[in-house]
Amino acid sequence: MQEARKLALSISADRPEAALHLVATPIGSARDITLRALDVLNAADVLAAEDTRNLRHLLDIHGIPLRGRRLIAYHDHNADRARPAILAALHQGLSVAYASDAGTPLVADPGYRLARDVIGEGLVVRALPGPSAALAGLSVSGLPSDRFLFVGFSPNAAGARKRWIASWIEAEATVIAFESPRRVRQLLENLCEVEPNRATVICRELTKKFEEVLRGTAQDLLAQIPDEGLRGEVVVLFGHPEPKQVGEDDLRGALAALLDQMPVKEAAAQVAARFGLPRRDIYALAVELKEAKQ
């Protein structure tokens, strides 16, 4: 087998189009940045970042000079003050690259209102795909990836966290959450109150030297978490809810809620899909309910 050789890769100096370029940045390894992201960071007219110190460090690692370009801090605490300057640059026909601290901008990171206002003024927004802790966690979790729901960070307060869990606990999807390493234990404790056997995966320090992936039920993993919590960046994923026994009263109630809004066939199809039951049987029950109302 021929020995691998070092490749010389060049960074483009071509000025990107006048647009807000949302630049995904590494969540751990600095080498995870894309070549296109380096191109835009090298040649954009204006640079903006959640934390300008982090962006400067990333530029230094990859040998990209600032060259006197304007560098704007844009985060949750100064967004209203910083947004007009970015919009003004775009209206002047300049290209603006916006980078989050780590991962994809707008995914549990600042930038939503900025992108919304840029779009609202008829200006262009471009996404530079790249690292995402949510998708990296999904990839290594071993949980179904055909349907997933990202629910962001859990609330700090226990009561709010329980209501937050209740908002997604029945979703037929893999649920992805970000969590403080110190609060992972409390999150699992709250989940165990309602569904201790929920398939759970904890991803810690993804793409970094001490990357760790823990898999099991919520109850199993709770027993492995020390009282002081974990260390590092954490993504927690939950599998689909456990199958529940469905009685005829449940089916009748579900059908009754739909039959006033749609034809029998469509109502039966929706209920059959929701409970994973044969459509023919649910259709017969729906017809019976419809006839009883007439």
Protein backbone atom coordinates (compact mmCIF):
# COMPACT_ATOMS: atom_id res chain seq x y z
CA MET A 1 0.00 0.00 0.00
CA GLN A 2 1.41 3.39 -1.02
CA GLU A 3 2.31 5.69 1.86
CA ALA A 4 0.07 8.70 2.35
CA ARG A 5 1.63 11.99 1.37
CA LYS A 6 1.10 15.48 2.67
CA LEU A 7 -1.25 17.56 0.52
CA ALA A 8 -0.86 21.28 -0.07
CA LEU A 9 -4.26 22.96 0.11
CA SER A 10 -4.79 26.60 -0.74
CA ILE A 11 -7.25 29.07 0.77
CA SER A 12 -9.11 31.22 -1.72
CA ALA A 13 -8.63 34.98 -1.76
CA ASP A 14 -11.68 35.57 -3.96
CA ARG A 15 -14.12 37.99 -2.33
CA PRO A 16 -17.36 36.21 -1.42
CA GLU A 17 -20.71 37.57 -2.56
CA ALA A 18 -22.38 40.36 -0.62
CA ALA A 19 -24.29 38.31 1.93
CA LEU A 20 -24.42 37.27 5.57
CA HIS A 21 -22.36 34.06 5.60
CA LEU A 22 -23.17 31.87 8.62
CA VAL A 23 -19.92 30.01 9.30
CA ALA A 24 -19.99 26.72 11.24
CA THR A 25 -16.87 26.38 13.38
CA PRO A 26 -15.24 23.36 15.07
CA ILE A 27 -16.76 22.00 18.29
CA GLY A 28 -13.42 20.55 19.33
CA SER A 29 -10.73 19.74 16.82
CA ALA A 30 -9.67 22.88 14.94
CA ARG A 31 -9.07 20.75 11.84
CA ASP A 32 -12.80 20.08 11.50
CA ILE A 33 -13.33 23.45 9.83
CA THR A 34 -14.25 23.25 6.14
CA LEU A 35 -12.16 24.66 3.30
CA ARG A 36 -15.09 26.84 2.24
CA ALA A 37 -15.31 28.31 5.76
CA LEU A 38 -11.61 29.19 5.58
CA ASP A 39 -12.15 30.77 2.16
CA VAL A 40 -14.89 33.04 3.49
CA LEU A 41 -13.10 33.91 6.72
CA ASN A 42 -10.03 34.82 4.68
CA ALA A 43 -11.76 37.05 2.14
CA ALA A 44 -14.97 38.43 3.71
CA ASP A 45 -15.08 42.22 4.02
CA VAL A 46 -16.38 42.16 7.61
CA LEU A 47 -16.05 39.51 10.32
CA ALA A 48 -18.54 39.07 13.14
CA ALA A 49 -18.50 36.57 15.98
CA GLU A 50 -20.22 35.55 19.17
CA ASP A 51 -16.83 35.99 20.88
CA THR A 52 -14.21 37.85 18.87
CA ARG A 53 -11.39 36.33 20.94
CA ASN A 54 -12.42 32.83 19.89
CA LEU A 55 -12.59 33.83 16.24
CA ARG A 56 -9.16 35.50 16.42
CA HIS A 57 -7.73 32.29 17.92
CA LEU A 58 -9.28 30.20 15.13
CA LEU A 59 -7.88 32.56 12.49
CA ASP A 60 -4.43 32.34 14.08
CA ILE A 61 -4.51 28.53 14.08
CA HIS A 62 -5.23 28.47 10.35
CA GLY A 63 -2.87 31.31 9.44
CA ILE A 64 -5.56 33.79 8.34
CA PRO A 65 -4.59 37.43 9.01
CA LEU A 66 -7.15 40.03 10.04
CA ARG A 67 -5.54 42.62 7.69
CA GLY A 68 -7.30 45.52 9.39
CA ARG A 69 -10.77 44.21 8.63
CA ARG A 70 -13.61 45.22 10.92
CA LEU A 71 -14.36 42.63 13.61
CA ILE A 72 -17.78 42.93 15.26
CA ALA A 73 -18.90 41.15 18.44
CA TYR A 74 -22.50 39.95 18.14
CA HIS A 75 -24.05 38.01 21.03
CA ASP A 76 -27.23 37.87 23.10
CA HIS A 77 -26.24 40.79 25.33
CA ASN A 78 -25.36 43.33 22.61
CA ALA A 79 -27.45 42.13 19.66
CA ASP A 80 -29.68 45.22 19.46
CA ARG A 81 -26.63 47.51 19.40
CA ALA A 82 -24.51 45.41 17.02
CA ARG A 83 -27.16 44.42 14.49
CA PRO A 84 -27.47 47.84 12.76
CA ALA A 85 -23.76 47.89 11.91
CA ILE A 86 -23.96 44.48 10.27
CA LEU A 87 -27.09 45.42 8.33
CA ALA A 88 -25.44 48.65 7.20
CA ALA A 89 -22.40 46.75 5.89
CA LEU A 90 -24.67 44.42 3.91
CA HIS A 91 -26.60 47.36 2.45
CA GLN A 92 -23.26 48.77 1.30
CA GLY A 93 -22.67 45.61 -0.72
CA LEU A 94 -20.10 44.12 1.66
CA SER A 95 -19.76 40.46 2.60
CA VAL A 96 -20.10 39.60 6.30
CA ALA A 97 -18.96 36.30 7.85
CA TYR A 98 -20.61 35.46 11.18
CA ALA A 99 -19.16 32.68 13.34
CA SER A 100 -20.45 31.15 16.55
CA ASP A 101 -18.13 30.05 19.36
CA ALA A 102 -18.45 26.43 18.27
CA GLY A 103 -20.74 24.55 15.91
CA THR A 104 -23.41 25.89 13.60
CA PRO A 105 -24.71 29.45 14.15
CA LEU A 106 -28.35 29.72 15.24
CA VAL A 107 -28.39 26.15 16.68
CA ALA A 108 -28.58 27.03 20.39
CA ASP A 109 -26.34 29.99 19.49
CA PRO A 110 -27.02 33.68 18.75
CA GLY A 111 -27.91 34.81 15.26
CA TYR A 112 -31.60 34.05 14.72
CA ARG A 113 -32.77 37.67 14.90
CA LEU A 114 -29.81 38.78 12.80
CA ALA A 115 -30.61 36.29 10.03
CA ARG A 116 -34.32 37.10 10.26
CA ASP A 117 -33.72 40.84 9.92
CA VAL A 118 -31.27 40.35 7.04
CA ILE A 119 -33.89 38.28 5.21
CA GLY A 120 -36.60 40.79 6.11
CA GLU A 121 -34.65 43.57 4.40
CA GLY A 122 -34.32 41.58 1.20
CA LEU A 123 -30.64 40.78 1.72
CA VAL A 124 -28.93 37.43 1.22
CA VAL A 125 -28.11 34.79 3.86
CA ARG A 126 -25.78 31.90 3.05
CA ALA A 127 -25.06 28.86 5.22
CA LEU A 128 -21.61 27.31 5.33
CA PRO A 129 -22.38 23.81 6.65
CA GLY A 130 -19.97 22.22 9.06
CA PRO A 131 -19.62 20.95 12.63
CA SER A 132 -22.72 20.50 14.77
CA ALA A 133 -22.70 18.92 18.22
CA ALA A 134 -26.33 17.84 17.77
CA LEU A 135 -25.67 15.96 14.53
CA ALA A 136 -22.34 14.57 15.72
CA GLY A 137 -24.10 13.16 18.78
CA LEU A 138 -26.87 11.69 16.64
CA SER A 139 -24.30 10.05 14.37
CA VAL A 140 -22.53 8.17 17.17
CA SER A 141 -25.56 7.48 19.36
CA GLY A 142 -26.83 4.34 17.65
CA LEU A 143 -30.37 5.73 17.96
CA PRO A 144 -32.76 6.05 14.98
CA SER A 145 -31.84 9.02 12.79
CA ASP A 146 -34.77 9.05 10.35
CA ARG A 147 -36.69 11.47 12.57
CA PHE A 148 -35.17 13.63 15.30
CA LEU A 149 -36.15 16.60 17.44
CA PHE A 150 -33.65 19.12 18.76
CA VAL A 151 -34.89 20.70 22.00
CA GLY A 152 -31.92 22.90 22.95
CA PHE A 153 -30.81 23.41 26.55
CA SER A 154 -32.96 22.24 29.45
CA PRO A 155 -34.28 24.90 31.87
CA ASN A 156 -32.36 25.50 35.10
CA ALA A 157 -35.32 25.25 37.50
CA ALA A 158 -36.62 21.78 38.35
CA GLY A 159 -40.28 22.65 37.74
CA ALA A 160 -39.59 24.21 34.36
CA ARG A 161 -37.36 21.27 33.45
CA LYS A 162 -40.17 18.80 34.20
CA ARG A 163 -42.58 20.77 32.01
CA TRP A 164 -39.93 20.87 29.30
CA ILE A 165 -39.55 17.07 29.46
CA ALA A 166 -43.34 16.70 29.25
CA SER A 167 -43.34 18.78 26.04
CA TRP A 168 -41.29 16.15 24.13
CA ILE A 169 -41.61 12.91 26.10
CA GLU A 170 -44.20 11.43 23.71
CA ALA A 171 -42.55 12.55 20.45
CA GLU A 172 -41.98 9.64 18.08
CA ALA A 173 -38.46 10.78 17.35
CA THR A 174 -34.94 10.71 18.72
CA VAL A 175 -34.71 13.74 21.00
CA ILE A 176 -31.43 15.71 21.13
CA ALA A 177 -30.67 18.09 24.00
CA PHE A 178 -27.74 20.16 25.17
CA GLU A 179 -27.07 20.10 28.90
CA SER A 180 -24.71 21.62 31.41
CA PRO A 181 -22.30 18.89 32.56
CA ARG A 182 -23.19 19.76 36.17
CA ARG A 183 -26.93 19.24 35.57
CA VAL A 184 -26.94 15.97 33.64
CA ARG A 185 -27.75 14.06 36.81
CA GLN A 186 -30.79 16.25 37.60
CA LEU A 187 -32.04 15.84 34.02
CA LEU A 188 -31.88 12.06 34.26
CA GLU A 189 -33.51 12.10 37.70
CA ASN A 190 -36.46 14.05 36.31
CA LEU A 191 -36.77 11.73 33.30
CA CYS A 192 -36.63 8.65 35.53
CA GLU A 193 -39.69 9.93 37.38
CA VAL A 194 -41.76 9.31 34.24
CA GLU A 195 -39.80 6.89 32.04
CA PRO A 196 -36.74 5.27 33.67
CA ASN A 197 -36.28 2.76 30.83
CA ARG A 198 -36.00 5.37 28.08
CA ALA A 199 -33.05 4.59 25.80
CA THR A 200 -30.48 7.30 26.56
CA VAL A 201 -27.08 8.30 25.20
CA ILE A 202 -24.72 10.82 26.78
CA CYS A 203 -21.99 12.21 24.51
CA ARG A 204 -19.20 14.09 26.25
CA GLU A 205 -16.39 16.11 24.66
CA LEU A 206 -17.29 15.16 21.08
CA THR A 207 -14.32 15.36 18.67
CA LYS A 208 -11.93 16.11 21.54
CA LYS A 209 -9.18 14.06 23.15
CA PHE A 210 -11.34 12.69 25.96
CA GLU A 211 -14.47 11.99 23.88
CA GLU A 212 -16.80 9.58 25.67
CA VAL A 213 -20.16 8.05 24.72
CA LEU A 214 -22.34 6.39 27.37
CA ARG A 215 -25.32 4.28 26.29
CA GLY A 216 -28.09 2.60 28.29
CA THR A 217 -31.42 3.40 29.88
CA ALA A 218 -31.91 6.66 31.74
CA GLN A 219 -31.86 4.67 34.97
CA ASP A 220 -28.64 2.85 34.04
CA LEU A 221 -26.81 6.04 33.18
CA LEU A 222 -28.07 7.89 36.24
CA ALA A 223 -26.26 5.31 38.39
CA GLN A 224 -23.00 6.09 36.53
CA ILE A 225 -23.07 9.89 36.96
CA PRO A 226 -21.21 11.19 40.05
CA ASP A 227 -23.03 13.60 42.37
CA GLU A 228 -20.95 16.53 41.11
CA GLY A 229 -21.91 15.79 37.50
CA LEU A 230 -19.65 15.43 34.48
CA ARG A 231 -16.96 17.55 32.86
CA GLY A 232 -16.82 19.05 29.40
CA GLU A 233 -19.41 19.75 26.70
CA VAL A 234 -22.39 17.38 26.84
CA VAL A 235 -25.06 16.29 24.37
CA VAL A 236 -27.85 14.00 25.63
CA LEU A 237 -30.04 11.96 23.30
CA PHE A 238 -33.21 10.01 24.05
CA GLY A 239 -34.68 7.23 21.95
CA HIS A 240 -38.32 6.87 20.99
CA PRO A 241 -40.85 6.49 23.84
CA GLU A 242 -41.65 3.02 25.11
CA PRO A 243 -44.67 1.40 23.41
CA LYS A 244 -47.84 1.88 25.45
CA GLN A 245 -50.85 -0.38 25.71
CA VAL A 246 -53.67 1.22 23.79
CA GLY A 247 -57.26 0.46 24.79
CA GLU A 248 -60.44 0.89 22.77
CA ASP A 249 -61.32 3.99 24.78
CA ASP A 250 -58.04 5.60 23.66
CA LEU A 251 -58.84 4.82 20.02
CA ARG A 252 -62.41 6.09 20.29
CA GLY A 253 -61.22 9.31 21.91
CA ALA A 254 -58.57 9.89 19.24
CA LEU A 255 -61.06 9.25 16.43
CA ALA A 256 -63.77 11.41 17.99
CA ALA A 257 -61.37 14.36 18.08
CA LEU A 258 -60.73 14.01 14.33
CA LEU A 259 -64.05 12.94 12.82
CA ASP A 260 -65.56 16.42 13.11
CA GLN A 261 -62.62 17.85 11.17
CA MET A 262 -61.97 15.35 8.36
CA PRO A 263 -63.40 12.39 6.43
CA VAL A 264 -63.58 8.96 8.06
CA LYS A 265 -60.83 7.51 5.89
CA GLU A 266 -58.34 10.26 6.70
CA ALA A 267 -59.13 10.19 10.44
CA ALA A 268 -58.67 6.42 10.50
CA ALA A 269 -55.35 6.68 8.67
CA GLN A 270 -54.00 9.26 11.15
CA VAL A 271 -55.03 7.28 14.23
CA ALA A 272 -53.70 4.02 12.78
CA ALA A 273 -50.36 5.67 12.09
CA ARG A 274 -50.21 7.27 15.55
CA PHE A 275 -50.76 4.00 17.39
CA GLY A 276 -49.12 1.64 14.90
CA LEU A 277 -52.28 -0.40 14.34
CA PRO A 278 -53.87 -1.89 11.18
CA ARG A 279 -55.70 0.79 9.23
CA ARG A 280 -58.55 -1.59 8.34
CA ASP A 281 -59.45 -2.17 12.02
CA ILE A 282 -59.33 1.54 12.86
CA TYR A 283 -61.43 2.38 9.80
CA ALA A 284 -64.14 -0.04 10.93
CA LEU A 285 -64.21 1.61 14.37
CA ALA A 286 -64.33 5.06 12.78
CA VAL A 287 -67.30 4.07 10.61
CA GLU A 288 -69.08 2.75 13.69
CA LEU A 289 -68.54 6.04 15.55
CA LYS A 290 -69.65 8.10 12.54
CA GLU A 291 -72.85 6.12 12.13
CA ALA A 292 -73.63 6.34 15.86
CA LYS A 293 -73.56 10.16 15.59
CA GLN A 294 -76.07 10.24 12.71
